[in-house]
Amino acid sequence: MTRAITAAAAFLVVVLVPGGVSAQDVEVTANVGWVSEYLYRGIAQNTSSASAGLDMTAGALYLGSWAADVGEGSEVDVYGGLGLELAGIALSAGGTGYLYTGEFDDTYVEGNLGAGYGPITVDFALGQYLTEPETLDYTFVQVTASARGAYAAFGTFGGDFSGQFGEIGYGFAVSEVDCTVGWVFSDSELALLPSGKSNATLVLGVSKTFALN
């Protein structure tokens, strides 16, 4: 199923992206950032983590890579897909690979679908965790609402993975630097705590995006 979603995204890119994309339509940006606590989908990755990334858009097509410090090595993500808007609804389809140096974790491969209307976005991932001795299959769904810098999100895992998290926060800019402050609430499974316990983490972040063309 993951391969099917990724293949469908590739097909959409070939069929729907105009063949005559000019150099003026291509945008390349770089980004750097730091967070006081790196949590992804409610799961703790590292304390005080720096990151950097590179992104390219060409018409509806997007491609990118992003890396972050996870303590025992680095996380390196590669992603790509197609994003477009139809009747006021933002749609996307693509794929993501999560790769790791060192011994921090094994590889994850996902097919991703997204839809957004007004302040609400819904993201769905169908993934495989490529670990020994067997591959694990999982799903992830996240709903996010945002308005005037404030945001709230809820995400849940399914399949061979389980767990839920919530996040509320606020984003703002200071001298062209993007800043965020938020609370991440992880249930006992994601926080690796005894059943019935949960964890709340305050996360501070700063990031800067640079145009390269």
N, C-alpha and C. Protein backbone atom coordinates (compact mmCIF):
# COMPACT_ATOMS: atom_id res chain seq x y z
N MET A 1 0.82 -1.21 0.00
CA MET A 1 0.00 0.00 0.00
C MET A 1 0.86 1.26 0.00
N THR A 2 1.96 1.27 0.78
CA THR A 2 2.83 2.44 0.78
C THR A 2 3.39 2.68 -0.61
N ARG A 3 3.84 1.60 -1.26
CA ARG A 3 4.37 1.74 -2.62
C ARG A 3 3.29 2.22 -3.58
N ALA A 4 2.04 1.79 -3.35
CA ALA A 4 0.94 2.20 -4.23
C ALA A 4 0.69 3.70 -4.14
N ILE A 5 0.70 4.25 -2.90
CA ILE A 5 0.49 5.69 -2.74
C ILE A 5 1.64 6.46 -3.37
N THR A 6 2.88 6.02 -3.13
CA THR A 6 4.03 6.71 -3.69
C THR A 6 4.01 6.65 -5.22
N ALA A 7 3.63 5.50 -5.78
CA ALA A 7 3.54 5.37 -7.23
C ALA A 7 2.45 6.27 -7.79
N ALA A 8 1.33 6.37 -7.05
CA ALA A 8 0.25 7.25 -7.49
C ALA A 8 0.69 8.70 -7.50
N ALA A 9 1.47 9.09 -6.48
CA ALA A 9 1.99 10.45 -6.43
C ALA A 9 2.91 10.72 -7.62
N ALA A 10 3.78 9.75 -7.93
CA ALA A 10 4.67 9.92 -9.07
C ALA A 10 3.89 10.05 -10.37
N PHE A 11 2.82 9.27 -10.50
CA PHE A 11 1.98 9.35 -11.70
C PHE A 11 1.34 10.73 -11.82
N LEU A 12 0.84 11.26 -10.69
CA LEU A 12 0.23 12.59 -10.71
C LEU A 12 1.25 13.65 -11.11
N VAL A 13 2.48 13.52 -10.61
CA VAL A 13 3.52 14.48 -10.98
C VAL A 13 3.74 14.47 -12.49
N VAL A 14 3.84 13.27 -13.08
CA VAL A 14 4.10 13.16 -14.51
C VAL A 14 2.93 13.70 -15.33
N VAL A 15 1.71 13.40 -14.89
CA VAL A 15 0.53 13.77 -15.67
C VAL A 15 0.14 15.22 -15.50
N LEU A 16 0.22 15.73 -14.26
CA LEU A 16 -0.36 17.03 -13.97
C LEU A 16 0.62 18.18 -13.98
N VAL A 17 1.92 17.93 -13.75
CA VAL A 17 2.88 19.02 -13.76
C VAL A 17 3.14 19.43 -15.20
N PRO A 18 2.97 20.69 -15.56
CA PRO A 18 3.17 21.13 -16.93
C PRO A 18 4.58 20.83 -17.41
N GLY A 19 4.71 20.37 -18.63
CA GLY A 19 6.02 20.05 -19.18
C GLY A 19 6.86 21.28 -19.43
N GLY A 20 6.23 22.44 -19.56
CA GLY A 20 6.98 23.65 -19.88
C GLY A 20 7.28 24.53 -18.69
N VAL A 21 7.58 23.94 -17.55
CA VAL A 21 7.95 24.73 -16.38
C VAL A 21 9.23 25.48 -16.68
N SER A 22 9.21 26.79 -16.53
CA SER A 22 10.36 27.61 -16.85
C SER A 22 11.23 27.81 -15.62
N ALA A 23 12.42 28.38 -15.85
CA ALA A 23 13.33 28.64 -14.74
C ALA A 23 12.71 29.61 -13.75
N GLN A 24 11.85 30.51 -14.24
CA GLN A 24 11.21 31.47 -13.35
C GLN A 24 10.23 30.80 -12.39
N ASP A 25 9.75 29.60 -12.74
CA ASP A 25 8.81 28.88 -11.89
C ASP A 25 9.50 28.07 -10.80
N VAL A 26 10.80 27.92 -10.90
CA VAL A 26 11.54 27.11 -9.93
C VAL A 26 12.00 27.99 -8.77
N GLU A 27 11.67 27.57 -7.56
CA GLU A 27 12.10 28.27 -6.37
C GLU A 27 12.91 27.32 -5.49
N VAL A 28 14.07 27.79 -5.04
CA VAL A 28 14.93 26.99 -4.17
C VAL A 28 15.17 27.77 -2.89
N THR A 29 14.93 27.13 -1.76
CA THR A 29 15.13 27.77 -0.46
C THR A 29 15.92 26.85 0.45
N ALA A 30 16.61 27.45 1.40
CA ALA A 30 17.31 26.71 2.44
C ALA A 30 16.76 27.18 3.79
N ASN A 31 16.87 26.32 4.79
CA ASN A 31 16.38 26.69 6.11
C ASN A 31 17.30 26.13 7.20
N VAL A 32 17.38 26.85 8.29
CA VAL A 32 18.10 26.39 9.48
C VAL A 32 17.19 26.62 10.68
N GLY A 33 17.36 25.80 11.71
CA GLY A 33 16.50 25.96 12.87
C GLY A 33 17.06 25.30 14.11
N TRP A 34 16.38 25.54 15.21
CA TRP A 34 16.74 24.95 16.49
C TRP A 34 15.48 24.83 17.33
N VAL A 35 15.37 23.73 18.08
CA VAL A 35 14.27 23.55 19.03
C VAL A 35 14.85 23.13 20.38
N SER A 36 14.19 23.55 21.43
CA SER A 36 14.65 23.18 22.77
C SER A 36 14.42 21.70 23.05
N GLU A 37 13.38 21.13 22.47
CA GLU A 37 13.09 19.69 22.56
C GLU A 37 12.57 19.25 21.19
N TYR A 38 13.24 18.27 20.58
CA TYR A 38 12.78 17.77 19.29
C TYR A 38 11.84 16.60 19.54
N LEU A 39 10.55 16.84 19.33
CA LEU A 39 9.54 15.79 19.39
C LEU A 39 8.90 15.69 18.00
N TYR A 40 8.70 14.48 17.53
CA TYR A 40 8.05 14.29 16.24
C TYR A 40 6.85 13.38 16.44
N ARG A 41 5.68 13.90 16.12
CA ARG A 41 4.43 13.16 16.32
C ARG A 41 4.30 12.67 17.76
N GLY A 42 4.74 13.55 18.68
CA GLY A 42 4.61 13.26 20.10
C GLY A 42 5.69 12.39 20.68
N ILE A 43 6.68 11.98 19.87
CA ILE A 43 7.74 11.07 20.33
C ILE A 43 9.03 11.86 20.49
N ALA A 44 9.66 11.76 21.67
CA ALA A 44 10.90 12.49 21.94
C ALA A 44 12.03 11.95 21.09
N GLN A 45 12.76 12.86 20.44
CA GLN A 45 13.90 12.49 19.61
C GLN A 45 15.23 12.96 20.22
N ASN A 46 15.28 14.23 20.66
CA ASN A 46 16.51 14.76 21.22
C ASN A 46 16.23 16.08 21.93
N THR A 47 17.07 16.41 22.89
CA THR A 47 17.01 17.69 23.58
C THR A 47 17.96 18.67 22.90
N SER A 48 17.50 19.90 22.69
CA SER A 48 18.30 20.95 22.06
C SER A 48 18.85 20.47 20.72
N SER A 49 17.99 20.48 19.71
CA SER A 49 18.34 19.91 18.41
C SER A 49 18.41 20.99 17.34
N ALA A 50 19.50 21.01 16.59
CA ALA A 50 19.66 21.91 15.44
C ALA A 50 19.29 21.17 14.17
N SER A 51 18.84 21.91 13.15
CA SER A 51 18.42 21.30 11.90
C SER A 51 18.73 22.21 10.73
N ALA A 52 18.70 21.63 9.53
CA ALA A 52 18.89 22.39 8.30
C ALA A 52 18.22 21.64 7.16
N GLY A 53 17.76 22.39 6.15
CA GLY A 53 17.07 21.75 5.04
C GLY A 53 17.20 22.52 3.76
N LEU A 54 16.82 21.86 2.66
CA LEU A 54 16.86 22.44 1.33
C LEU A 54 15.60 22.01 0.60
N ASP A 55 14.89 22.97 -0.01
CA ASP A 55 13.63 22.69 -0.69
C ASP A 55 13.61 23.31 -2.07
N MET A 56 12.92 22.62 -2.99
CA MET A 56 12.73 23.13 -4.34
C MET A 56 11.28 22.93 -4.75
N THR A 57 10.67 23.96 -5.34
CA THR A 57 9.36 23.83 -5.95
C THR A 57 9.45 24.22 -7.41
N ALA A 58 8.72 23.50 -8.24
CA ALA A 58 8.67 23.78 -9.68
C ALA A 58 7.24 23.57 -10.12
N GLY A 59 6.49 24.65 -10.19
CA GLY A 59 5.07 24.50 -10.44
C GLY A 59 4.42 23.80 -9.26
N ALA A 60 3.73 22.69 -9.54
CA ALA A 60 3.08 21.94 -8.47
C ALA A 60 4.00 20.93 -7.80
N LEU A 61 5.16 20.71 -8.36
CA LEU A 61 6.08 19.71 -7.83
C LEU A 61 6.92 20.28 -6.70
N TYR A 62 7.13 19.47 -5.66
CA TYR A 62 8.03 19.87 -4.58
C TYR A 62 8.98 18.71 -4.27
N LEU A 63 10.22 19.07 -3.94
CA LEU A 63 11.26 18.12 -3.55
C LEU A 63 12.06 18.73 -2.42
N GLY A 64 12.57 17.92 -1.51
CA GLY A 64 13.35 18.49 -0.44
C GLY A 64 14.07 17.47 0.40
N SER A 65 14.95 17.98 1.24
CA SER A 65 15.68 17.16 2.20
C SER A 65 15.87 17.97 3.47
N TRP A 66 15.87 17.29 4.61
CA TRP A 66 15.97 17.96 5.91
C TRP A 66 16.74 17.07 6.86
N ALA A 67 17.61 17.64 7.66
CA ALA A 67 18.41 16.87 8.60
C ALA A 67 18.38 17.50 9.98
N ALA A 68 18.42 16.66 11.01
CA ALA A 68 18.39 17.15 12.39
C ALA A 68 19.29 16.29 13.27
N ASP A 69 19.82 16.91 14.31
CA ASP A 69 20.64 16.22 15.30
C ASP A 69 19.74 15.42 16.23
N VAL A 70 19.99 14.11 16.32
CA VAL A 70 19.21 13.28 17.24
C VAL A 70 20.10 12.65 18.32
N GLY A 71 21.22 13.28 18.57
CA GLY A 71 22.08 12.83 19.65
C GLY A 71 23.04 11.74 19.20
N GLU A 72 22.51 10.54 18.99
CA GLU A 72 23.33 9.41 18.54
C GLU A 72 23.33 9.35 17.01
N GLY A 73 23.76 10.42 16.39
CA GLY A 73 23.74 10.49 14.93
C GLY A 73 22.81 11.58 14.44
N SER A 74 22.38 11.43 13.19
CA SER A 74 21.51 12.44 12.56
C SER A 74 20.32 11.76 11.89
N GLU A 75 19.21 12.47 11.88
CA GLU A 75 18.05 12.08 11.07
C GLU A 75 18.14 12.83 9.75
N VAL A 76 17.98 12.12 8.65
CA VAL A 76 17.99 12.73 7.32
C VAL A 76 16.70 12.32 6.60
N ASP A 77 15.87 13.31 6.29
CA ASP A 77 14.60 13.06 5.60
C ASP A 77 14.71 13.48 4.14
N VAL A 78 14.14 12.70 3.26
CA VAL A 78 14.00 13.07 1.85
C VAL A 78 12.53 12.93 1.48
N TYR A 79 12.02 13.88 0.70
CA TYR A 79 10.59 13.87 0.40
C TYR A 79 10.33 14.54 -0.94
N GLY A 80 9.18 14.26 -1.48
CA GLY A 80 8.79 14.88 -2.74
C GLY A 80 7.34 14.54 -3.04
N GLY A 81 6.76 15.29 -3.96
CA GLY A 81 5.38 15.03 -4.33
C GLY A 81 4.79 16.17 -5.13
N LEU A 82 3.49 16.23 -5.07
CA LEU A 82 2.71 17.19 -5.85
C LEU A 82 1.74 17.90 -4.95
N GLY A 83 1.68 19.22 -5.05
CA GLY A 83 0.70 20.00 -4.30
C GLY A 83 -0.04 20.94 -5.22
N LEU A 84 -1.34 20.99 -5.10
CA LEU A 84 -2.14 21.87 -5.95
C LEU A 84 -3.41 22.26 -5.22
N GLU A 85 -4.12 23.23 -5.77
CA GLU A 85 -5.35 23.72 -5.16
C GLU A 85 -6.49 23.57 -6.15
N LEU A 86 -7.59 22.97 -5.70
CA LEU A 86 -8.78 22.77 -6.50
C LEU A 86 -9.99 23.26 -5.73
N ALA A 87 -10.71 24.24 -6.30
CA ALA A 87 -11.92 24.77 -5.68
C ALA A 87 -11.68 25.20 -4.24
N GLY A 88 -10.53 25.83 -4.00
CA GLY A 88 -10.24 26.33 -2.67
C GLY A 88 -9.72 25.29 -1.70
N ILE A 89 -9.52 24.04 -2.16
CA ILE A 89 -9.02 22.98 -1.30
C ILE A 89 -7.59 22.67 -1.70
N ALA A 90 -6.67 22.75 -0.76
CA ALA A 90 -5.27 22.43 -1.01
C ALA A 90 -5.08 20.93 -0.89
N LEU A 91 -4.52 20.31 -1.93
CA LEU A 91 -4.32 18.86 -1.96
C LEU A 91 -2.85 18.54 -2.18
N SER A 92 -2.39 17.45 -1.60
CA SER A 92 -1.01 17.03 -1.82
C SER A 92 -0.93 15.51 -1.78
N ALA A 93 0.03 14.97 -2.54
CA ALA A 93 0.31 13.54 -2.53
C ALA A 93 1.80 13.36 -2.76
N GLY A 94 2.43 12.52 -1.98
CA GLY A 94 3.87 12.36 -2.12
C GLY A 94 4.40 11.22 -1.28
N GLY A 95 5.69 11.26 -1.03
CA GLY A 95 6.34 10.22 -0.25
C GLY A 95 7.47 10.81 0.57
N THR A 96 7.81 10.13 1.68
CA THR A 96 8.87 10.57 2.58
C THR A 96 9.69 9.37 3.04
N GLY A 97 10.99 9.55 3.08
CA GLY A 97 11.88 8.56 3.68
C GLY A 97 12.59 9.17 4.87
N TYR A 98 12.59 8.47 6.00
CA TYR A 98 13.28 8.92 7.21
C TYR A 98 14.48 8.00 7.41
N LEU A 99 15.68 8.55 7.25
CA LEU A 99 16.91 7.78 7.32
C LEU A 99 17.74 8.25 8.51
N TYR A 100 18.58 7.36 9.05
CA TYR A 100 19.35 7.71 10.24
C TYR A 100 20.79 7.26 10.11
N THR A 101 21.69 8.12 10.57
CA THR A 101 23.08 7.73 10.74
C THR A 101 23.26 7.24 12.17
N GLY A 102 24.31 6.50 12.44
CA GLY A 102 24.51 6.00 13.78
C GLY A 102 23.52 4.91 14.13
N GLU A 103 23.28 4.74 15.43
CA GLU A 103 22.44 3.65 15.93
C GLU A 103 21.12 4.14 16.51
N PHE A 104 20.71 5.37 16.16
CA PHE A 104 19.52 5.94 16.79
C PHE A 104 18.25 5.17 16.42
N ASP A 105 18.06 4.85 15.14
CA ASP A 105 16.83 4.21 14.70
C ASP A 105 17.06 3.57 13.34
N ASP A 106 16.01 2.88 12.84
CA ASP A 106 16.06 2.29 11.51
C ASP A 106 15.25 3.15 10.54
N THR A 107 15.07 2.66 9.32
CA THR A 107 14.46 3.45 8.25
C THR A 107 12.94 3.35 8.24
N TYR A 108 12.30 4.50 7.99
CA TYR A 108 10.86 4.56 7.78
C TYR A 108 10.60 5.04 6.35
N VAL A 109 9.59 4.46 5.68
CA VAL A 109 9.19 4.90 4.34
C VAL A 109 7.69 5.11 4.35
N GLU A 110 7.25 6.29 3.88
CA GLU A 110 5.83 6.62 3.94
C GLU A 110 5.30 7.12 2.60
N GLY A 111 4.02 6.82 2.35
CA GLY A 111 3.24 7.53 1.36
C GLY A 111 2.38 8.54 2.09
N ASN A 112 2.30 9.76 1.58
CA ASN A 112 1.62 10.85 2.29
C ASN A 112 0.53 11.48 1.45
N LEU A 113 -0.61 11.74 2.07
CA LEU A 113 -1.71 12.47 1.45
C LEU A 113 -2.12 13.60 2.38
N GLY A 114 -2.51 14.75 1.80
CA GLY A 114 -2.92 15.88 2.62
C GLY A 114 -4.03 16.67 1.96
N ALA A 115 -4.87 17.30 2.79
CA ALA A 115 -5.94 18.16 2.30
C ALA A 115 -6.15 19.28 3.30
N GLY A 116 -6.38 20.48 2.78
CA GLY A 116 -6.61 21.62 3.66
C GLY A 116 -7.68 22.53 3.11
N TYR A 117 -8.51 23.04 3.99
CA TYR A 117 -9.55 24.00 3.59
C TYR A 117 -9.68 25.03 4.70
N GLY A 118 -9.42 26.30 4.36
CA GLY A 118 -9.47 27.34 5.38
C GLY A 118 -8.44 27.07 6.46
N PRO A 119 -8.83 27.11 7.73
CA PRO A 119 -7.86 26.93 8.82
C PRO A 119 -7.58 25.46 9.17
N ILE A 120 -8.23 24.51 8.49
CA ILE A 120 -8.14 23.10 8.86
C ILE A 120 -7.34 22.33 7.82
N THR A 121 -6.39 21.53 8.28
CA THR A 121 -5.66 20.61 7.40
C THR A 121 -5.70 19.21 7.99
N VAL A 122 -5.74 18.22 7.10
CA VAL A 122 -5.73 16.82 7.50
C VAL A 122 -4.62 16.13 6.73
N ASP A 123 -3.75 15.43 7.46
CA ASP A 123 -2.63 14.71 6.85
C ASP A 123 -2.72 13.23 7.19
N PHE A 124 -2.47 12.40 6.18
CA PHE A 124 -2.53 10.95 6.36
C PHE A 124 -1.23 10.33 5.85
N ALA A 125 -0.67 9.40 6.61
CA ALA A 125 0.53 8.70 6.20
C ALA A 125 0.30 7.20 6.33
N LEU A 126 0.75 6.47 5.32
CA LEU A 126 0.75 5.01 5.35
C LEU A 126 2.20 4.58 5.23
N GLY A 127 2.73 3.98 6.30
CA GLY A 127 4.17 3.77 6.35
C GLY A 127 4.60 2.36 6.66
N GLN A 128 5.89 2.12 6.42
CA GLN A 128 6.54 0.87 6.79
C GLN A 128 7.81 1.19 7.57
N TYR A 129 8.00 0.47 8.67
CA TYR A 129 9.20 0.60 9.49
C TYR A 129 10.10 -0.57 9.14
N LEU A 130 11.22 -0.26 8.48
CA LEU A 130 12.10 -1.30 7.95
C LEU A 130 13.14 -1.67 9.01
N THR A 131 12.74 -2.56 9.91
CA THR A 131 13.60 -2.97 11.00
C THR A 131 13.69 -4.49 11.04
N GLU A 132 14.65 -4.98 11.77
CA GLU A 132 14.80 -6.43 11.93
C GLU A 132 14.09 -6.89 13.20
N PRO A 133 13.48 -8.09 13.22
CA PRO A 133 13.54 -9.10 12.15
C PRO A 133 12.42 -8.99 11.13
N GLU A 134 11.48 -8.03 11.31
CA GLU A 134 10.37 -7.94 10.38
C GLU A 134 10.00 -6.49 10.14
N THR A 135 9.33 -6.25 9.02
CA THR A 135 8.83 -4.92 8.69
C THR A 135 7.49 -4.69 9.38
N LEU A 136 7.33 -3.50 9.97
CA LEU A 136 6.08 -3.14 10.62
C LEU A 136 5.33 -2.13 9.76
N ASP A 137 4.00 -2.30 9.67
CA ASP A 137 3.15 -1.40 8.90
C ASP A 137 2.35 -0.52 9.85
N TYR A 138 2.24 0.75 9.51
CA TYR A 138 1.51 1.66 10.39
C TYR A 138 0.79 2.73 9.59
N THR A 139 -0.16 3.38 10.24
CA THR A 139 -0.82 4.56 9.68
C THR A 139 -0.68 5.70 10.69
N PHE A 140 -0.82 6.91 10.18
CA PHE A 140 -0.81 8.08 11.05
C PHE A 140 -1.74 9.12 10.45
N VAL A 141 -2.60 9.70 11.29
CA VAL A 141 -3.54 10.75 10.88
C VAL A 141 -3.37 11.93 11.81
N GLN A 142 -3.27 13.12 11.24
CA GLN A 142 -3.17 14.34 12.05
C GLN A 142 -4.13 15.40 11.52
N VAL A 143 -4.83 16.05 12.43
CA VAL A 143 -5.72 17.17 12.11
C VAL A 143 -5.17 18.41 12.79
N THR A 144 -5.00 19.49 12.03
CA THR A 144 -4.43 20.73 12.55
C THR A 144 -5.35 21.90 12.24
N ALA A 145 -5.58 22.74 13.21
CA ALA A 145 -6.33 23.98 13.03
C ALA A 145 -5.42 25.15 13.39
N SER A 146 -5.43 26.20 12.56
CA SER A 146 -4.56 27.35 12.82
C SER A 146 -5.27 28.63 12.44
N ALA A 147 -4.97 29.69 13.19
CA ALA A 147 -5.55 31.00 12.92
C ALA A 147 -4.73 32.07 13.63
N ARG A 148 -4.29 33.07 12.87
CA ARG A 148 -3.57 34.22 13.42
C ARG A 148 -2.37 33.81 14.26
N GLY A 149 -1.64 32.83 13.80
CA GLY A 149 -0.44 32.40 14.49
C GLY A 149 -0.64 31.29 15.50
N ALA A 150 -1.86 31.17 16.04
CA ALA A 150 -2.14 30.11 17.01
C ALA A 150 -2.48 28.82 16.26
N TYR A 151 -2.15 27.68 16.85
CA TYR A 151 -2.45 26.41 16.22
C TYR A 151 -2.74 25.35 17.27
N ALA A 152 -3.48 24.34 16.86
CA ALA A 152 -3.75 23.17 17.69
C ALA A 152 -3.76 21.96 16.78
N ALA A 153 -3.18 20.86 17.23
CA ALA A 153 -3.07 19.65 16.42
C ALA A 153 -3.35 18.42 17.27
N PHE A 154 -3.89 17.39 16.61
CA PHE A 154 -4.10 16.10 17.25
C PHE A 154 -3.69 15.02 16.26
N GLY A 155 -2.90 14.04 16.73
CA GLY A 155 -2.46 12.97 15.86
C GLY A 155 -2.59 11.62 16.52
N THR A 156 -2.83 10.58 15.71
CA THR A 156 -2.99 9.24 16.24
C THR A 156 -2.38 8.21 15.29
N PHE A 157 -1.75 7.18 15.87
CA PHE A 157 -1.17 6.09 15.10
C PHE A 157 -2.14 4.92 15.04
N GLY A 158 -1.97 4.09 13.98
CA GLY A 158 -2.73 2.87 13.85
C GLY A 158 -1.87 1.78 13.25
N GLY A 159 -2.45 0.58 13.07
CA GLY A 159 -1.70 -0.54 12.54
C GLY A 159 -0.80 -1.15 13.60
N ASP A 160 0.45 -1.42 13.23
CA ASP A 160 1.40 -2.00 14.17
C ASP A 160 1.91 -1.00 15.19
N PHE A 161 1.64 0.29 14.99
CA PHE A 161 1.99 1.32 15.96
C PHE A 161 0.72 1.79 16.66
N SER A 162 0.87 2.38 17.84
CA SER A 162 -0.28 2.96 18.53
C SER A 162 0.20 4.13 19.38
N GLY A 163 -0.73 4.99 19.74
CA GLY A 163 -0.41 6.16 20.55
C GLY A 163 -1.04 7.42 19.97
N GLN A 164 -1.24 8.41 20.83
CA GLN A 164 -1.86 9.67 20.44
C GLN A 164 -1.10 10.83 21.07
N PHE A 165 -1.19 11.98 20.40
CA PHE A 165 -0.59 13.18 20.97
C PHE A 165 -1.41 14.39 20.57
N GLY A 166 -1.23 15.47 21.32
CA GLY A 166 -1.85 16.75 21.00
C GLY A 166 -0.81 17.86 21.15
N GLU A 167 -1.03 18.95 20.46
CA GLU A 167 -0.11 20.07 20.55
C GLU A 167 -0.87 21.37 20.38
N ILE A 168 -0.54 22.35 21.20
CA ILE A 168 -1.08 23.70 21.05
C ILE A 168 0.09 24.67 21.11
N GLY A 169 0.00 25.76 20.36
CA GLY A 169 1.11 26.69 20.37
C GLY A 169 0.83 27.96 19.61
N TYR A 170 1.87 28.76 19.47
CA TYR A 170 1.74 30.06 18.80
C TYR A 170 3.04 30.32 18.05
N GLY A 171 2.91 30.80 16.81
CA GLY A 171 4.05 31.15 15.99
C GLY A 171 4.06 32.63 15.66
N PHE A 172 5.24 33.24 15.64
CA PHE A 172 5.36 34.66 15.34
C PHE A 172 6.74 34.92 14.77
N ALA A 173 6.93 36.08 14.19
CA ALA A 173 8.20 36.44 13.57
C ALA A 173 8.84 37.61 14.30
N VAL A 174 10.16 37.54 14.46
CA VAL A 174 10.95 38.62 15.06
C VAL A 174 12.12 38.88 14.13
N SER A 175 12.14 40.07 13.49
CA SER A 175 13.23 40.43 12.57
C SER A 175 13.47 39.35 11.53
N GLU A 176 12.38 38.86 10.92
CA GLU A 176 12.41 37.85 9.86
C GLU A 176 12.88 36.48 10.33
N VAL A 177 12.92 36.27 11.63
CA VAL A 177 13.18 34.95 12.19
C VAL A 177 11.87 34.40 12.74
N ASP A 178 11.51 33.19 12.32
CA ASP A 178 10.27 32.56 12.78
C ASP A 178 10.47 31.93 14.15
N CYS A 179 9.57 32.22 15.07
CA CYS A 179 9.65 31.71 16.43
C CYS A 179 8.37 30.97 16.77
N THR A 180 8.49 29.90 17.56
CA THR A 180 7.32 29.16 18.01
C THR A 180 7.48 28.82 19.48
N VAL A 181 6.36 28.75 20.17
CA VAL A 181 6.30 28.25 21.53
C VAL A 181 5.07 27.36 21.61
N GLY A 182 5.24 26.15 22.12
CA GLY A 182 4.12 25.23 22.15
C GLY A 182 4.24 24.20 23.25
N TRP A 183 3.11 23.57 23.54
CA TRP A 183 3.06 22.46 24.48
C TRP A 183 2.70 21.20 23.70
N VAL A 184 3.47 20.13 23.92
CA VAL A 184 3.20 18.85 23.28
C VAL A 184 2.76 17.87 24.37
N PHE A 185 1.60 17.25 24.18
CA PHE A 185 1.04 16.31 25.15
C PHE A 185 1.07 14.91 24.54
N SER A 186 1.87 14.02 25.10
CA SER A 186 2.02 12.66 24.59
C SER A 186 1.39 11.67 25.57
N ASP A 187 0.66 10.66 25.02
CA ASP A 187 0.08 9.66 25.90
C ASP A 187 1.16 8.70 26.39
N SER A 188 0.78 7.73 27.21
CA SER A 188 1.75 6.86 27.86
C SER A 188 2.56 6.05 26.85
N GLU A 189 1.95 5.65 25.73
CA GLU A 189 2.68 4.84 24.75
C GLU A 189 3.76 5.65 24.04
N LEU A 190 3.44 6.87 23.64
CA LEU A 190 4.43 7.69 22.96
C LEU A 190 5.48 8.23 23.91
N ALA A 191 5.10 8.47 25.17
CA ALA A 191 6.04 9.00 26.15
C ALA A 191 6.81 7.90 26.88
N LEU A 192 6.49 6.62 26.57
CA LEU A 192 7.15 5.48 27.22
C LEU A 192 6.99 5.54 28.73
N LEU A 193 5.74 5.78 29.15
CA LEU A 193 5.41 5.85 30.57
C LEU A 193 4.44 4.73 30.93
N PRO A 194 4.26 4.44 32.24
CA PRO A 194 3.27 3.43 32.63
C PRO A 194 1.88 3.79 32.14
N SER A 195 1.05 2.79 31.93
CA SER A 195 -0.29 2.99 31.41
C SER A 195 -1.06 4.00 32.27
N GLY A 196 -1.76 4.91 31.59
CA GLY A 196 -2.53 5.93 32.27
C GLY A 196 -1.79 7.21 32.52
N LYS A 197 -0.46 7.18 32.38
CA LYS A 197 0.34 8.38 32.55
C LYS A 197 0.47 9.11 31.21
N SER A 198 0.74 10.40 31.27
CA SER A 198 0.98 11.19 30.06
C SER A 198 2.11 12.18 30.33
N ASN A 199 2.55 12.84 29.28
CA ASN A 199 3.67 13.75 29.43
C ASN A 199 3.38 15.05 28.67
N ALA A 200 3.72 16.18 29.26
CA ALA A 200 3.56 17.48 28.62
C ALA A 200 4.93 18.14 28.54
N THR A 201 5.30 18.61 27.35
CA THR A 201 6.62 19.18 27.13
C THR A 201 6.50 20.56 26.50
N LEU A 202 7.16 21.54 27.10
CA LEU A 202 7.23 22.88 26.52
C LEU A 202 8.34 22.89 25.47
N VAL A 203 8.01 23.36 24.27
CA VAL A 203 8.98 23.39 23.18
C VAL A 203 9.12 24.81 22.65
N LEU A 204 10.35 25.30 22.61
CA LEU A 204 10.66 26.60 22.03
C LEU A 204 11.45 26.36 20.74
N GLY A 205 11.15 27.13 19.70
CA GLY A 205 11.84 26.93 18.43
C GLY A 205 12.09 28.23 17.69
N VAL A 206 13.17 28.26 16.93
CA VAL A 206 13.48 29.37 16.04
C VAL A 206 13.93 28.80 14.70
N SER A 207 13.61 29.48 13.62
CA SER A 207 14.03 29.03 12.29
C SER A 207 14.12 30.21 11.35
N LYS A 208 14.90 30.03 10.30
CA LYS A 208 15.10 31.07 9.30
C LYS A 208 15.15 30.41 7.92
N THR A 209 14.42 30.96 6.97
CA THR A 209 14.40 30.47 5.60
C THR A 209 15.05 31.47 4.68
N PHE A 210 15.89 30.98 3.78
CA PHE A 210 16.63 31.84 2.85
C PHE A 210 16.29 31.45 1.41
N ALA A 211 15.99 32.45 0.58
CA ALA A 211 15.80 32.21 -0.85
C ALA A 211 17.16 32.08 -1.52
N LEU A 212 17.32 31.05 -2.36
CA LEU A 212 18.59 30.81 -3.02
C LEU A 212 18.57 31.15 -4.51
N ASN A 213 17.45 31.61 -5.03
CA ASN A 213 17.41 32.03 -6.43
C ASN A 213 16.44 33.20 -6.61
